[in-house]
Structures are given as structure tokens and as C-alpha cells.
Full PDB file with SEQRES, HELIX, SHEET, SSBOND, CRYST1, ORIGX, SCALE, CONECT and MASTER records, all heavy atoms in Angstrom:
SEQRES   1 A   41  SER LEU ARG LEU SER CYS ALA VAL SER GLY ARG THR PHE          
SEQRES   2 A   41  SER SER LEU SER MET ALA TRP PHE ARG GLN ALA PRO GLY          
SEQRES   3 A   41  LYS GLU ARG GLU TYR VAL ALA ALA ILE ARG VAL GLY ALA          
SEQRES   4 A   41  SER THR                                                      
HELIX    1 AA1 PHE A   13  SER A   15  5                                   3    
SHEET    1 AA1 2 MET A  18  ARG A  22  0                                        
SHEET    2 AA1 2 GLU A  30  ILE A  35 -1                                        
CRYST1    1.000    1.000    1.000  90.00  90.00  90.00 P 1           1          
ORIGX1      1.000000  0.000000  0.000000        0.00000                         
ORIGX2      0.000000  1.000000  0.000000        0.00000                         
ORIGX3      0.000000  0.000000  1.000000        0.00000                         
SCALE1      1.000000  0.000000  0.000000        0.00000                         
SCALE2      0.000000  1.000000  0.000000        0.00000                         
SCALE3      0.000000  0.000000  1.000000        0.00000                         
ATOM      1  N   SER A   1      14.955  -5.915  -9.873  1.00  0.00           N  
ATOM      2  CA  SER A   1      13.783  -5.028  -9.623  1.00  0.00           C  
ATOM      3  C   SER A   1      12.509  -5.771  -9.814  1.00  0.00           C  
ATOM      4  O   SER A   1      12.454  -6.788 -10.529  1.00  0.00           O  
ATOM      5  CB  SER A   1      13.835  -3.843 -10.595  1.00  0.00           C  
ATOM      6  OG  SER A   1      14.938  -3.019 -10.322  1.00  0.00           O  
ATOM      7  N   LEU A   2      11.478  -5.302  -9.124  1.00  0.00           N  
ATOM      8  CA  LEU A   2      10.120  -5.949  -9.189  1.00  0.00           C  
ATOM      9  C   LEU A   2       9.141  -4.864  -8.906  1.00  0.00           C  
ATOM     10  O   LEU A   2       9.382  -3.959  -8.087  1.00  0.00           O  
ATOM     11  CB  LEU A   2      10.091  -7.035  -8.123  1.00  0.00           C  
ATOM     12  CG  LEU A   2       8.945  -8.063  -8.217  1.00  0.00           C  
ATOM     13  CD1 LEU A   2       9.116  -8.946  -9.437  1.00  0.00           C  
ATOM     14  CD2 LEU A   2       8.987  -8.930  -6.953  1.00  0.00           C  
ATOM     15  N   ARG A   3       7.970  -4.942  -9.584  1.00  0.00           N  
ATOM     16  CA  ARG A   3       6.922  -4.007  -9.278  1.00  0.00           C  
ATOM     17  C   ARG A   3       5.662  -4.730  -8.872  1.00  0.00           C  
ATOM     18  O   ARG A   3       5.135  -5.583  -9.593  1.00  0.00           O  
ATOM     19  CB  ARG A   3       6.574  -3.102 -10.515  1.00  0.00           C  
ATOM     20  CG  ARG A   3       5.621  -1.972 -10.132  1.00  0.00           C  
ATOM     21  CD  ARG A   3       5.348  -1.026 -11.275  1.00  0.00           C  
ATOM     22  NE  ARG A   3       4.402  -1.573 -12.234  1.00  0.00           N  
ATOM     23  CZ  ARG A   3       3.722  -0.835 -13.120  1.00  0.00           C  
ATOM     24  NH1 ARG A   3       3.875   0.481 -13.138  1.00  0.00           N  
ATOM     25  NH2 ARG A   3       2.882  -1.439 -13.948  1.00  0.00           N  
ATOM     26  N   LEU A   4       5.193  -4.415  -7.659  1.00  0.00           N  
ATOM     27  CA  LEU A   4       3.933  -4.953  -7.195  1.00  0.00           C  
ATOM     28  C   LEU A   4       2.812  -4.013  -7.487  1.00  0.00           C  
ATOM     29  O   LEU A   4       2.976  -2.793  -7.489  1.00  0.00           O  
ATOM     30  CB  LEU A   4       4.032  -5.174  -5.667  1.00  0.00           C  
ATOM     31  CG  LEU A   4       5.213  -6.024  -5.103  1.00  0.00           C  
ATOM     32  CD1 LEU A   4       5.084  -6.182  -3.646  1.00  0.00           C  
ATOM     33  CD2 LEU A   4       5.262  -7.319  -5.847  1.00  0.00           C  
ATOM     34  N   SER A   5       1.612  -4.597  -7.709  1.00  0.00           N  
ATOM     35  CA  SER A   5       0.426  -3.824  -8.016  1.00  0.00           C  
ATOM     36  C   SER A   5      -0.641  -4.172  -7.014  1.00  0.00           C  
ATOM     37  O   SER A   5      -0.697  -5.266  -6.499  1.00  0.00           O  
ATOM     38  CB  SER A   5      -0.098  -4.097  -9.428  1.00  0.00           C  
ATOM     39  OG  SER A   5       0.887  -3.757 -10.399  1.00  0.00           O  
ATOM     40  N   CYS A   6      -1.504  -3.167  -6.725  1.00  0.00           N  
ATOM     41  CA  CYS A   6      -2.645  -3.392  -5.853  1.00  0.00           C  
ATOM     42  C   CYS A   6      -3.838  -2.777  -6.508  1.00  0.00           C  
ATOM     43  O   CYS A   6      -3.989  -1.569  -6.549  1.00  0.00           O  
ATOM     44  CB  CYS A   6      -2.396  -2.754  -4.482  1.00  0.00           C  
ATOM     45  SG  CYS A   6      -3.810  -2.824  -3.353  1.00  0.00           S  
ATOM     46  N   ALA A   7      -4.712  -3.602  -7.063  1.00  0.00           N  
ATOM     47  CA  ALA A   7      -5.916  -3.168  -7.740  1.00  0.00           C  
ATOM     48  C   ALA A   7      -7.061  -3.059  -6.711  1.00  0.00           C  
ATOM     49  O   ALA A   7      -7.310  -3.997  -5.922  1.00  0.00           O  
ATOM     50  CB  ALA A   7      -6.282  -4.129  -8.867  1.00  0.00           C  
ATOM     51  N   VAL A   8      -7.723  -1.916  -6.762  1.00  0.00           N  
ATOM     52  CA  VAL A   8      -8.825  -1.638  -5.771  1.00  0.00           C  
ATOM     53  C   VAL A   8     -10.171  -1.538  -6.513  1.00  0.00           C  
ATOM     54  O   VAL A   8     -10.252  -0.912  -7.513  1.00  0.00           O  
ATOM     55  CB  VAL A   8      -8.490  -0.344  -5.034  1.00  0.00           C  
ATOM     56  CG1 VAL A   8      -9.604  -0.043  -4.042  1.00  0.00           C  
ATOM     57  CG2 VAL A   8      -7.148  -0.421  -4.309  1.00  0.00           C  
ATOM     58  N   SER A   9     -11.140  -2.122  -5.891  1.00  0.00           N  
ATOM     59  CA  SER A   9     -12.533  -2.005  -6.396  1.00  0.00           C  
ATOM     60  C   SER A   9     -13.466  -1.814  -5.205  1.00  0.00           C  
ATOM     61  O   SER A   9     -13.137  -2.095  -4.100  1.00  0.00           O  
ATOM     62  CB  SER A   9     -12.928  -3.276  -7.182  1.00  0.00           C  
ATOM     63  OG  SER A   9     -12.879  -4.391  -6.371  1.00  0.00           O  
ATOM     64  N   GLY A  10     -14.668  -1.270  -5.558  1.00  0.00           N  
ATOM     65  CA  GLY A  10     -15.671  -1.117  -4.524  1.00  0.00           C  
ATOM     66  C   GLY A  10     -15.667   0.242  -3.776  1.00  0.00           C  
ATOM     67  O   GLY A  10     -16.505   0.412  -2.934  1.00  0.00           O  
ATOM     68  N   ARG A  11     -14.705   1.073  -4.104  1.00  0.00           N  
ATOM     69  CA  ARG A  11     -14.687   2.371  -3.468  1.00  0.00           C  
ATOM     70  C   ARG A  11     -13.922   3.320  -4.400  1.00  0.00           C  
ATOM     71  O   ARG A  11     -13.081   2.924  -5.206  1.00  0.00           O  
ATOM     72  CB  ARG A  11     -13.889   2.243  -2.122  1.00  0.00           C  
ATOM     73  CG  ARG A  11     -13.716   3.511  -1.332  1.00  0.00           C  
ATOM     74  CD  ARG A  11     -15.064   4.113  -0.895  1.00  0.00           C  
ATOM     75  NE  ARG A  11     -15.778   3.184  -0.037  1.00  0.00           N  
ATOM     76  CZ  ARG A  11     -15.750   3.201   1.281  1.00  0.00           C  
ATOM     77  NH1 ARG A  11     -14.945   4.047   1.887  1.00  0.00           N  
ATOM     78  NH2 ARG A  11     -16.495   2.379   1.977  1.00  0.00           N  
ATOM     79  N   THR A  12     -14.255   4.592  -4.311  1.00  0.00           N  
ATOM     80  CA  THR A  12     -13.559   5.580  -5.137  1.00  0.00           C  
ATOM     81  C   THR A  12     -12.103   5.590  -4.714  1.00  0.00           C  
ATOM     82  O   THR A  12     -11.754   6.054  -3.647  1.00  0.00           O  
ATOM     83  CB  THR A  12     -14.185   6.994  -4.929  1.00  0.00           C  
ATOM     84  OG1 THR A  12     -15.578   6.934  -5.277  1.00  0.00           O  
ATOM     85  CG2 THR A  12     -13.470   8.000  -5.839  1.00  0.00           C  
ATOM     86  N   PHE A  13     -11.258   5.178  -5.612  1.00  0.00           N  
ATOM     87  CA  PHE A  13      -9.848   4.948  -5.349  1.00  0.00           C  
ATOM     88  C   PHE A  13      -9.172   6.270  -4.919  1.00  0.00           C  
ATOM     89  O   PHE A  13      -8.338   6.290  -4.035  1.00  0.00           O  
ATOM     90  CB  PHE A  13      -9.133   4.336  -6.517  1.00  0.00           C  
ATOM     91  CG  PHE A  13      -7.699   4.113  -6.305  1.00  0.00           C  
ATOM     92  CD1 PHE A  13      -7.244   3.080  -5.471  1.00  0.00           C  
ATOM     93  CD2 PHE A  13      -6.729   4.910  -6.945  1.00  0.00           C  
ATOM     94  CE1 PHE A  13      -5.909   2.857  -5.270  1.00  0.00           C  
ATOM     95  CE2 PHE A  13      -5.381   4.653  -6.767  1.00  0.00           C  
ATOM     96  CZ  PHE A  13      -4.947   3.607  -5.923  1.00  0.00           C  
ATOM     97  N   SER A  14      -9.603   7.377  -5.562  1.00  0.00           N  
ATOM     98  CA  SER A  14      -8.942   8.633  -5.279  1.00  0.00           C  
ATOM     99  C   SER A  14      -9.207   9.092  -3.850  1.00  0.00           C  
ATOM    100  O   SER A  14      -8.473  10.006  -3.384  1.00  0.00           O  
ATOM    101  CB  SER A  14      -9.390   9.707  -6.279  1.00  0.00           C  
ATOM    102  OG  SER A  14     -10.785   9.867  -6.249  1.00  0.00           O  
ATOM    103  N   SER A  15     -10.180   8.513  -3.144  1.00  0.00           N  
ATOM    104  CA  SER A  15     -10.457   8.932  -1.779  1.00  0.00           C  
ATOM    105  C   SER A  15      -9.689   8.053  -0.758  1.00  0.00           C  
ATOM    106  O   SER A  15      -9.867   8.322   0.453  1.00  0.00           O  
ATOM    107  CB  SER A  15     -11.987   8.787  -1.519  1.00  0.00           C  
ATOM    108  OG  SER A  15     -12.402   7.414  -1.510  1.00  0.00           O  
ATOM    109  N   LEU A  16      -8.911   7.127  -1.236  1.00  0.00           N  
ATOM    110  CA  LEU A  16      -8.218   6.211  -0.349  1.00  0.00           C  
ATOM    111  C   LEU A  16      -6.731   6.559  -0.223  1.00  0.00           C  
ATOM    112  O   LEU A  16      -6.023   6.800  -1.264  1.00  0.00           O  
ATOM    113  CB  LEU A  16      -8.310   4.786  -0.854  1.00  0.00           C  
ATOM    114  CG  LEU A  16      -9.701   4.205  -0.918  1.00  0.00           C  
ATOM    115  CD1 LEU A  16      -9.680   2.851  -1.649  1.00  0.00           C  
ATOM    116  CD2 LEU A  16     -10.300   4.035   0.475  1.00  0.00           C  
ATOM    117  N   SER A  17      -6.230   6.541   0.973  1.00  0.00           N  
ATOM    118  CA  SER A  17      -4.749   6.566   1.168  1.00  0.00           C  
ATOM    119  C   SER A  17      -4.315   5.072   1.209  1.00  0.00           C  
ATOM    120  O   SER A  17      -5.021   4.208   1.746  1.00  0.00           O  
ATOM    121  CB  SER A  17      -4.406   7.263   2.464  1.00  0.00           C  
ATOM    122  OG  SER A  17      -4.668   8.636   2.399  1.00  0.00           O  
ATOM    123  N   MET A  18      -3.163   4.826   0.602  1.00  0.00           N  
ATOM    124  CA  MET A  18      -2.718   3.446   0.385  1.00  0.00           C  
ATOM    125  C   MET A  18      -1.372   3.215   1.059  1.00  0.00           C  
ATOM    126  O   MET A  18      -0.565   4.119   1.195  1.00  0.00           O  
ATOM    127  CB  MET A  18      -2.565   3.179  -1.102  1.00  0.00           C  
ATOM    128  CG  MET A  18      -3.794   3.408  -1.957  1.00  0.00           C  
ATOM    129  SD  MET A  18      -5.164   2.311  -1.536  1.00  0.00           S  
ATOM    130  CE  MET A  18      -4.437   0.718  -1.884  1.00  0.00           C  
ATOM    131  N   ALA A  19      -1.167   1.949   1.452  1.00  0.00           N  
ATOM    132  CA  ALA A  19       0.078   1.575   2.051  1.00  0.00           C  
ATOM    133  C   ALA A  19       0.508   0.162   1.684  1.00  0.00           C  
ATOM    134  O   ALA A  19      -0.384  -0.603   1.273  1.00  0.00           O  
ATOM    135  CB  ALA A  19       0.015   1.723   3.573  1.00  0.00           C  
ATOM    136  N   TRP A  20       1.740  -0.115   1.864  1.00  0.00           N  
ATOM    137  CA  TRP A  20       2.300  -1.491   1.695  1.00  0.00           C  
ATOM    138  C   TRP A  20       2.908  -1.895   3.006  1.00  0.00           C  
ATOM    139  O   TRP A  20       3.616  -1.141   3.677  1.00  0.00           O  
ATOM    140  CB  TRP A  20       3.308  -1.514   0.595  1.00  0.00           C  
ATOM    141  CG  TRP A  20       2.721  -1.337  -0.777  1.00  0.00           C  
ATOM    142  CD1 TRP A  20       2.590  -0.208  -1.446  1.00  0.00           C  
ATOM    143  CD2 TRP A  20       2.260  -2.402  -1.629  1.00  0.00           C  
ATOM    144  NE1 TRP A  20       2.005  -0.455  -2.687  1.00  0.00           N  
ATOM    145  CE2 TRP A  20       1.811  -1.788  -2.805  1.00  0.00           C  
ATOM    146  CE3 TRP A  20       2.141  -3.787  -1.487  1.00  0.00           C  
ATOM    147  CZ2 TRP A  20       1.261  -2.527  -3.848  1.00  0.00           C  
ATOM    148  CZ3 TRP A  20       1.601  -4.523  -2.531  1.00  0.00           C  
ATOM    149  CH2 TRP A  20       1.179  -3.878  -3.700  1.00  0.00           C  
ATOM    150  N   PHE A  21       2.627  -3.120   3.398  1.00  0.00           N  
ATOM    151  CA  PHE A  21       3.231  -3.746   4.563  1.00  0.00           C  
ATOM    152  C   PHE A  21       3.840  -5.081   4.060  1.00  0.00           C  
ATOM    153  O   PHE A  21       3.517  -5.557   2.995  1.00  0.00           O  
ATOM    154  CB  PHE A  21       2.195  -4.039   5.651  1.00  0.00           C  
ATOM    155  CG  PHE A  21       1.730  -2.822   6.356  1.00  0.00           C  
ATOM    156  CD1 PHE A  21       0.809  -1.965   5.754  1.00  0.00           C  
ATOM    157  CD2 PHE A  21       2.167  -2.513   7.646  1.00  0.00           C  
ATOM    158  CE1 PHE A  21       0.352  -0.844   6.419  1.00  0.00           C  
ATOM    159  CE2 PHE A  21       1.741  -1.361   8.344  1.00  0.00           C  
ATOM    160  CZ  PHE A  21       0.798  -0.544   7.693  1.00  0.00           C  
ATOM    161  N   ARG A  22       4.688  -5.662   4.885  1.00  0.00           N  
ATOM    162  CA  ARG A  22       5.254  -6.957   4.522  1.00  0.00           C  
ATOM    163  C   ARG A  22       5.404  -7.850   5.840  1.00  0.00           C  
ATOM    164  O   ARG A  22       5.585  -7.288   6.914  1.00  0.00           O  
ATOM    165  CB  ARG A  22       6.540  -6.839   3.797  1.00  0.00           C  
ATOM    166  CG  ARG A  22       7.713  -6.310   4.634  1.00  0.00           C  
ATOM    167  CD  ARG A  22       8.933  -6.110   3.749  1.00  0.00           C  
ATOM    168  NE  ARG A  22      10.075  -5.585   4.500  1.00  0.00           N  
ATOM    169  CZ  ARG A  22      11.243  -5.256   3.941  1.00  0.00           C  
ATOM    170  NH1 ARG A  22      11.437  -5.377   2.652  1.00  0.00           N  
ATOM    171  NH2 ARG A  22      12.234  -4.788   4.693  1.00  0.00           N  
ATOM    172  N   GLN A  23       5.366  -9.148   5.606  1.00  0.00           N  
ATOM    173  CA  GLN A  23       5.615 -10.070   6.708  1.00  0.00           C  
ATOM    174  C   GLN A  23       6.567 -11.155   6.236  1.00  0.00           C  
ATOM    175  O   GLN A  23       6.276 -11.929   5.403  1.00  0.00           O  
ATOM    176  CB  GLN A  23       4.295 -10.668   7.172  1.00  0.00           C  
ATOM    177  CG  GLN A  23       4.473 -11.500   8.435  1.00  0.00           C  
ATOM    178  CD  GLN A  23       3.121 -11.869   9.060  1.00  0.00           C  
ATOM    179  OE1 GLN A  23       2.097 -11.810   8.449  1.00  0.00           O  
ATOM    180  NE2 GLN A  23       3.165 -12.199  10.337  1.00  0.00           N  
ATOM    181  N   ALA A  24       7.759 -11.128   6.843  1.00  0.00           N  
ATOM    182  CA  ALA A  24       8.728 -12.092   6.533  1.00  0.00           C  
ATOM    183  C   ALA A  24       8.450 -13.359   7.342  1.00  0.00           C  
ATOM    184  O   ALA A  24       7.821 -13.342   8.405  1.00  0.00           O  
ATOM    185  CB  ALA A  24      10.121 -11.560   6.860  1.00  0.00           C  
ATOM    186  N   PRO A  25       9.007 -14.518   6.897  1.00  0.00           N  
ATOM    187  CA  PRO A  25       8.777 -15.770   7.631  1.00  0.00           C  
ATOM    188  C   PRO A  25       9.216 -15.655   9.085  1.00  0.00           C  
ATOM    189  O   PRO A  25      10.315 -15.233   9.369  1.00  0.00           O  
ATOM    190  CB  PRO A  25       9.619 -16.761   6.893  1.00  0.00           C  
ATOM    191  CG  PRO A  25       9.668 -16.238   5.506  1.00  0.00           C  
ATOM    192  CD  PRO A  25       9.727 -14.764   5.631  1.00  0.00           C  
ATOM    193  N   GLY A  26       8.308 -16.000  10.014  1.00  0.00           N  
ATOM    194  CA  GLY A  26       8.694 -15.954  11.427  1.00  0.00           C  
ATOM    195  C   GLY A  26       8.717 -14.604  12.066  1.00  0.00           C  
ATOM    196  O   GLY A  26       9.145 -14.472  13.219  1.00  0.00           O  
ATOM    197  N   LYS A  27       8.341 -13.556  11.328  1.00  0.00           N  
ATOM    198  CA  LYS A  27       8.379 -12.188  11.875  1.00  0.00           C  
ATOM    199  C   LYS A  27       7.008 -11.506  11.830  1.00  0.00           C  
ATOM    200  O   LYS A  27       6.089 -12.018  11.138  1.00  0.00           O  
ATOM    201  CB  LYS A  27       9.393 -11.361  11.067  1.00  0.00           C  
ATOM    202  CG  LYS A  27      10.833 -11.834  11.199  1.00  0.00           C  
ATOM    203  CD  LYS A  27      11.799 -10.859  10.538  1.00  0.00           C  
ATOM    204  CE  LYS A  27      13.206 -11.311  10.720  1.00  0.00           C  
ATOM    205  NZ  LYS A  27      14.169 -10.365  10.095  1.00  0.00           N  
ATOM    206  N   GLU A  28       6.910 -10.450  12.549  1.00  0.00           N  
ATOM    207  CA  GLU A  28       5.648  -9.686  12.556  1.00  0.00           C  
ATOM    208  C   GLU A  28       5.552  -8.875  11.282  1.00  0.00           C  
ATOM    209  O   GLU A  28       6.546  -8.547  10.661  1.00  0.00           O  
ATOM    210  CB  GLU A  28       5.554  -8.795  13.796  1.00  0.00           C  
ATOM    211  CG  GLU A  28       5.477  -9.555  15.092  1.00  0.00           C  
ATOM    212  CD  GLU A  28       5.228  -8.628  16.252  1.00  0.00           C  
ATOM    213  OE1 GLU A  28       5.315  -7.410  16.078  1.00  0.00           O  
ATOM    214  OE2 GLU A  28       5.013  -9.126  17.372  1.00  0.00           O  
ATOM    215  N   ARG A  29       4.341  -8.521  10.929  1.00  0.00           N  
ATOM    216  CA  ARG A  29       4.106  -7.648   9.766  1.00  0.00           C  
ATOM    217  C   ARG A  29       4.717  -6.294  10.069  1.00  0.00           C  
ATOM    218  O   ARG A  29       4.524  -5.780  11.171  1.00  0.00           O  
ATOM    219  CB  ARG A  29       2.641  -7.589   9.417  1.00  0.00           C  
ATOM    220  CG  ARG A  29       2.367  -6.973   8.076  1.00  0.00           C  
ATOM    221  CD  ARG A  29       1.000  -7.423   7.524  1.00  0.00           C  
ATOM    222  NE  ARG A  29      -0.110  -7.207   8.410  1.00  0.00           N  
ATOM    223  CZ  ARG A  29      -1.345  -7.589   8.121  1.00  0.00           C  
ATOM    224  NH1 ARG A  29      -1.580  -8.236   6.997  1.00  0.00           N  
ATOM    225  NH2 ARG A  29      -2.321  -7.328   8.944  1.00  0.00           N  
ATOM    226  N   GLU A  30       5.318  -5.686   9.048  1.00  0.00           N  
ATOM    227  CA  GLU A  30       5.903  -4.396   9.210  1.00  0.00           C  
ATOM    228  C   GLU A  30       5.534  -3.459   8.058  1.00  0.00           C  
ATOM    229  O   GLU A  30       5.306  -3.834   6.954  1.00  0.00           O  
ATOM    230  CB  GLU A  30       7.435  -4.449   9.327  1.00  0.00           C  
ATOM    231  CG  GLU A  30       8.111  -5.015   8.052  1.00  0.00           C  
ATOM    232  CD  GLU A  30       9.639  -4.964   8.121  1.00  0.00           C  
ATOM    233  OE1 GLU A  30      10.169  -4.585   9.158  1.00  0.00           O  
ATOM    234  OE2 GLU A  30      10.269  -5.303   7.169  1.00  0.00           O  
ATOM    235  N   TYR A  31       5.542  -2.186   8.384  1.00  0.00           N  
ATOM    236  CA  TYR A  31       5.261  -1.096   7.433  1.00  0.00           C  
ATOM    237  C   TYR A  31       6.362  -0.997   6.387  1.00  0.00           C  
ATOM    238  O   TYR A  31       7.570  -1.129   6.745  1.00  0.00           O  
ATOM    239  CB  TYR A  31       5.070   0.146   8.205  1.00  0.00           C  
ATOM    240  CG  TYR A  31       5.132   1.452   7.396  1.00  0.00           C  
ATOM    241  CD1 TYR A  31       4.059   1.846   6.630  1.00  0.00           C  
ATOM    242  CD2 TYR A  31       6.297   2.167   7.393  1.00  0.00           C  
ATOM    243  CE1 TYR A  31       4.082   3.010   5.959  1.00  0.00           C  
ATOM    244  CE2 TYR A  31       6.358   3.374   6.689  1.00  0.00           C  
ATOM    245  CZ  TYR A  31       5.259   3.797   5.969  1.00  0.00           C  
ATOM    246  OH  TYR A  31       5.316   4.947   5.248  1.00  0.00           O  
ATOM    247  N   VAL A  32       6.003  -0.753   5.158  1.00  0.00           N  
ATOM    248  CA  VAL A  32       6.974  -0.565   4.120  1.00  0.00           C  
ATOM    249  C   VAL A  32       6.929   0.842   3.519  1.00  0.00           C  
ATOM    250  O   VAL A  32       7.897   1.608   3.502  1.00  0.00           O  
ATOM    251  CB  VAL A  32       6.774  -1.582   2.970  1.00  0.00           C  
ATOM    252  CG1 VAL A  32       7.729  -1.301   1.808  1.00  0.00           C  
ATOM    253  CG2 VAL A  32       6.932  -2.995   3.470  1.00  0.00           C  
ATOM    254  N   ALA A  33       5.697   1.283   3.052  1.00  0.00           N  
ATOM    255  CA  ALA A  33       5.604   2.546   2.401  1.00  0.00           C  
ATOM    256  C   ALA A  33       4.142   2.962   2.349  1.00  0.00           C  
ATOM    257  O   ALA A  33       3.254   2.099   2.445  1.00  0.00           O  
ATOM    258  CB  ALA A  33       6.207   2.530   1.023  1.00  0.00           C  
ATOM    259  N   ALA A  34       3.910   4.262   2.153  1.00  0.00           N  
ATOM    260  CA  ALA A  34       2.548   4.764   2.058  1.00  0.00           C  
ATOM    261  C   ALA A  34       2.458   5.962   1.130  1.00  0.00           C  
ATOM    262  O   ALA A  34       3.394   6.707   0.921  1.00  0.00           O  
ATOM    263  CB  ALA A  34       2.003   5.135   3.456  1.00  0.00           C  
ATOM    264  N   ILE A  35       1.248   6.157   0.585  1.00  0.00           N  
ATOM    265  CA  ILE A  35       1.009   7.315  -0.231  1.00  0.00           C  
ATOM    266  C   ILE A  35      -0.441   7.761   0.075  1.00  0.00           C  
ATOM    267  O   ILE A  35      -1.387   6.983   0.060  1.00  0.00           O  
ATOM    268  CB  ILE A  35       1.146   6.990  -1.734  1.00  0.00           C  
ATOM    269  CG1 ILE A  35       0.942   8.211  -2.600  1.00  0.00           C  
ATOM    270  CG2 ILE A  35       0.269   5.876  -2.171  1.00  0.00           C  
ATOM    271  CD1 ILE A  35       1.405   8.007  -4.039  1.00  0.00           C  
ATOM    272  N   ARG A  36      -0.583   9.044   0.407  1.00  0.00           N  
ATOM    273  CA  ARG A  36      -1.898   9.527   0.873  1.00  0.00           C  
ATOM    274  C   ARG A  36      -2.721  10.025  -0.328  1.00  0.00           C  
ATOM    275  O   ARG A  36      -2.266  10.153  -1.467  1.00  0.00           O  
ATOM    276  CB  ARG A  36      -1.705  10.654   1.868  1.00  0.00           C  
ATOM    277  CG  ARG A  36      -1.067  10.140   3.134  1.00  0.00           C  
ATOM    278  CD  ARG A  36      -1.119  11.151   4.262  1.00  0.00           C  
ATOM    279  NE  ARG A  36      -0.327  12.349   3.976  1.00  0.00           N  
ATOM    280  CZ  ARG A  36      -0.181  13.400   4.770  1.00  0.00           C  
ATOM    281  NH1 ARG A  36      -0.779  13.379   5.954  1.00  0.00           N  
ATOM    282  NH2 ARG A  36       0.531  14.444   4.454  1.00  0.00           N  
ATOM    283  N   VAL A  37      -3.990  10.284  -0.066  1.00  0.00           N  
ATOM    284  CA  VAL A  37      -4.862  10.947  -1.019  1.00  0.00           C  
ATOM    285  C   VAL A  37      -4.135  12.213  -1.477  1.00  0.00           C  
ATOM    286  O   VAL A  37      -3.605  12.962  -0.657  1.00  0.00           O  
ATOM    287  CB  VAL A  37      -6.240  11.304  -0.369  1.00  0.00           C  
ATOM    288  CG1 VAL A  37      -7.037  12.177  -1.301  1.00  0.00           C  
ATOM    289  CG2 VAL A  37      -6.980  10.048   0.014  1.00  0.00           C  
ATOM    290  N   GLY A  38      -4.202  12.412  -2.817  1.00  0.00           N  
ATOM    291  CA  GLY A  38      -3.507  13.583  -3.328  1.00  0.00           C  
ATOM    292  C   GLY A  38      -2.122  13.289  -3.899  1.00  0.00           C  
ATOM    293  O   GLY A  38      -1.637  13.926  -4.763  1.00  0.00           O  
ATOM    294  N   ALA A  39      -1.472  12.291  -3.222  1.00  0.00           N  
ATOM    295  CA  ALA A  39      -0.190  11.776  -3.695  1.00  0.00           C  
ATOM    296  C   ALA A  39       0.928  12.844  -3.808  1.00  0.00           C  
ATOM    297  O   ALA A  39       1.841  12.672  -4.568  1.00  0.00           O  
ATOM    298  CB  ALA A  39      -0.374  11.115  -5.079  1.00  0.00           C  
ATOM    299  N   SER A  40       0.794  13.881  -3.035  1.00  0.00           N  
ATOM    300  CA  SER A  40       1.804  14.900  -3.077  1.00  0.00           C  
ATOM    301  C   SER A  40       3.114  14.483  -2.384  1.00  0.00           C  
ATOM    302  O   SER A  40       4.144  14.960  -2.684  1.00  0.00           O  
ATOM    303  CB  SER A  40       1.326  16.228  -2.486  1.00  0.00           C  
ATOM    304  OG  SER A  40       0.957  16.027  -1.144  1.00  0.00           O  
ATOM    305  N   THR A  41       2.982  13.605  -1.457  1.00  0.00           N  
ATOM    306  CA  THR A  41       4.129  13.118  -0.680  1.00  0.00           C  
ATOM    307  C   THR A  41       4.019  11.604  -0.491  1.00  0.00           C  
ATOM    308  O   THR A  41       2.926  11.089  -0.325  1.00  0.00           O  
ATOM    309  CB  THR A  41       4.153  13.780   0.684  1.00  0.00           C  
ATOM    310  OG1 THR A  41       4.117  15.201   0.535  1.00  0.00           O  
ATOM    311  CG2 THR A  41       5.480  13.404   1.409  1.00  0.00           C  
TER     312      THR A  41                                                      
MASTER        0    0    0    1    2    0    0    6  311    1    0    4          
END                                                                             
């Protein structure tokens, strides 16, 4: 297991929807996961 963190500055964090993407060697960047403002889903 591993936990990645994304620290945000310069904007009210609670107003931002966040996502994770990844790019494997030799491949295009792809979507991984997302969490919207409110974090209900």
C-alpha cells in the first residue's frame, strides 16, 4: 500500500474539485480518481 498526497495553496481548497491522473512509461496520461467539492461521492 502507498498513500499519495496533494497539498494545495493559493486557492480556497474547499472550493476545488480534485482528481488524480497517471502516466505510465510510453503511454498517455489517464484518469485515476476524483472527488468533488463537498466530497459526498
